[in-house]
Amino acid sequence: QGCSLTGLSATRLGVMAAAGGADHDHLHCGICTSHLTRSGKHEPRQLRCGHSFCADCIGDLCRHAANNTIACPNRCGVTTSATTEEVPKNYPLAAAVEAKEHQSRQQLALLHKCATAAHSLTPPE
């Protein structure tokens, strides 16, 4: 398999790797649209209805909850107790996020290797 990436900038390679060629909307928070992460303030948390949002947005929902309950932002009609302990981490989604991050790192490394090889084959001007 040959590489035909001569002339592509590192920025363009990064954009190509980040895109991944697939739709990964489920790997973003539906409230703030941030990329979900496997841990930290953007780790996925799951409401009782099954919808997931980042921990940061869940924290905001808990702080502003009326009657100590969170209404699902997707308006599905299901409520969840407004304590962060009642909104557990969505481990399957966190695993999917980690797998996508790993895949993106591998793609970027491969594109960089390919571009470096293509550049070394370019005759000097």
Protein backbone atom coordinates (compact mmCIF):
# COMPACT_ATOMS: atom_id res chain seq x y z
CA GLN A 1 0.00 0.00 0.00
CA GLY A 2 1.54 3.27 -1.08
CA CYS A 3 1.08 6.70 0.46
CA SER A 4 -0.04 9.64 -1.61
CA LEU A 5 0.03 12.39 0.99
CA THR A 6 2.76 14.58 -0.50
CA GLY A 7 1.94 18.23 0.08
CA LEU A 8 -0.54 17.75 2.93
CA SER A 9 0.07 19.93 5.94
CA ALA A 10 0.22 18.60 9.48
CA THR A 11 -2.96 20.57 10.23
CA ARG A 12 -4.82 18.89 7.37
CA LEU A 13 -3.56 15.48 8.51
CA GLY A 14 -4.86 16.22 12.01
CA VAL A 15 -8.26 17.21 10.64
CA MET A 16 -8.41 14.01 8.59
CA ALA A 17 -7.54 11.86 11.61
CA ALA A 18 -9.98 13.65 13.89
CA ALA A 19 -12.82 13.25 11.39
CA GLY A 20 -12.37 9.50 11.29
CA GLY A 21 -14.79 9.26 8.39
CA ALA A 22 -17.77 8.30 10.57
CA ASP A 23 -20.55 10.03 12.43
CA HIS A 24 -19.79 10.04 16.14
CA ASP A 25 -22.46 12.44 17.48
CA HIS A 26 -23.13 10.04 20.35
CA LEU A 27 -19.61 10.79 21.60
CA HIS A 28 -20.56 14.41 22.33
CA CYS A 29 -22.60 15.87 25.17
CA GLY A 30 -26.08 16.75 23.94
CA ILE A 31 -26.14 19.88 26.10
CA CYS A 32 -22.75 21.58 25.72
CA THR A 33 -21.64 19.61 22.60
CA SER A 34 -18.19 18.95 24.15
CA HIS A 35 -16.41 15.75 23.27
CA LEU A 36 -17.06 13.17 25.96
CA THR A 37 -13.98 11.82 27.73
CA ARG A 38 -13.47 8.54 29.56
CA SER A 39 -13.05 10.39 32.88
CA GLY A 40 -13.11 13.88 34.33
CA LYS A 41 -15.60 16.68 33.90
CA HIS A 42 -16.70 15.45 30.47
CA GLU A 43 -17.14 11.76 31.34
CA PRO A 44 -20.56 10.42 30.30
CA ARG A 45 -23.20 10.24 33.03
CA GLN A 46 -26.49 8.42 32.45
CA LEU A 47 -29.90 9.60 33.62
CA ARG A 48 -32.61 7.09 34.63
CA CYS A 49 -34.16 7.40 31.15
CA GLY A 50 -30.92 6.18 29.54
CA HIS A 51 -29.83 9.49 28.01
CA SER A 52 -26.23 10.48 28.73
CA PHE A 53 -24.59 13.86 29.15
CA CYS A 54 -21.20 15.01 30.42
CA ALA A 55 -20.56 15.12 34.17
CA ASP A 56 -20.13 18.91 34.05
CA CYS A 57 -23.60 19.45 32.55
CA ILE A 58 -25.14 16.89 34.94
CA GLY A 59 -23.59 18.87 37.81
CA ASP A 60 -25.19 22.06 36.47
CA LEU A 61 -28.55 20.30 36.17
CA CYS A 62 -28.24 19.07 39.78
CA ARG A 63 -27.36 22.56 41.06
CA HIS A 64 -30.39 24.11 39.30
CA ALA A 65 -32.86 21.28 39.92
CA ALA A 66 -36.38 22.10 41.04
CA ASN A 67 -37.90 19.80 43.68
CA ASN A 68 -34.60 17.90 43.86
CA THR A 69 -35.23 16.20 40.49
CA ILE A 70 -33.69 16.54 37.06
CA ALA A 71 -35.99 16.54 34.04
CA CYS A 72 -34.26 14.94 31.07
CA PRO A 73 -33.01 17.68 28.69
CA ASN A 74 -34.27 15.51 25.80
CA ARG A 75 -37.81 16.02 27.15
CA CYS A 76 -38.56 12.32 27.36
CA GLY A 77 -40.60 12.84 30.53
CA VAL A 78 -38.42 10.79 32.89
CA THR A 79 -36.93 12.45 35.95
CA THR A 80 -33.84 11.54 37.96
CA SER A 81 -32.95 12.41 41.55
CA ALA A 82 -30.80 15.54 41.58
CA THR A 83 -27.77 14.13 43.35
CA THR A 84 -24.62 13.32 41.44
CA GLU A 85 -24.54 9.91 43.17
CA GLU A 86 -27.87 9.09 41.48
CA VAL A 87 -26.43 9.81 38.04
CA PRO A 88 -23.87 7.05 37.46
CA LYS A 89 -21.06 6.97 34.94
CA ASN A 90 -22.09 5.39 31.64
CA TYR A 91 -19.28 2.81 31.43
CA PRO A 92 -20.16 1.38 27.97
CA LEU A 93 -20.19 4.89 26.47
CA ALA A 94 -16.94 5.75 28.29
CA ALA A 95 -15.39 2.61 26.76
CA ALA A 96 -16.59 3.70 23.30
CA VAL A 97 -15.05 7.14 23.85
CA GLU A 98 -11.75 5.55 24.89
CA ALA A 99 -11.80 3.26 21.83
CA LYS A 100 -12.43 6.24 19.52
CA GLU A 101 -9.62 8.23 21.15
CA HIS A 102 -7.26 5.27 20.68
CA GLN A 103 -8.35 4.86 17.04
CA SER A 104 -7.80 8.58 16.37
CA ARG A 105 -4.30 8.45 17.91
CA GLN A 106 -3.43 5.43 15.73
CA GLN A 107 -4.77 7.11 12.58
CA LEU A 108 -2.83 10.30 13.29
CA ALA A 109 0.38 8.33 13.90
CA LEU A 110 -0.11 6.41 10.65
CA LEU A 111 -0.84 9.58 8.67
CA HIS A 112 2.23 11.26 10.14
CA LYS A 113 4.38 8.24 9.27
CA CYS A 114 2.96 8.16 5.76
CA ALA A 115 3.46 11.91 5.21
CA THR A 116 7.01 11.71 6.52
CA ALA A 117 7.77 8.84 4.15
CA ALA A 118 6.18 10.71 1.22
CA HIS A 119 8.17 13.86 2.06
CA SER A 120 11.43 11.92 2.12
CA LEU A 121 10.69 10.65 -1.40
CA THR A 122 10.13 14.17 -2.79
CA PRO A 123 13.08 15.26 -4.92
CA PRO A 124 14.82 18.44 -3.74
CA GLU A 125 14.11 21.57 -5.74
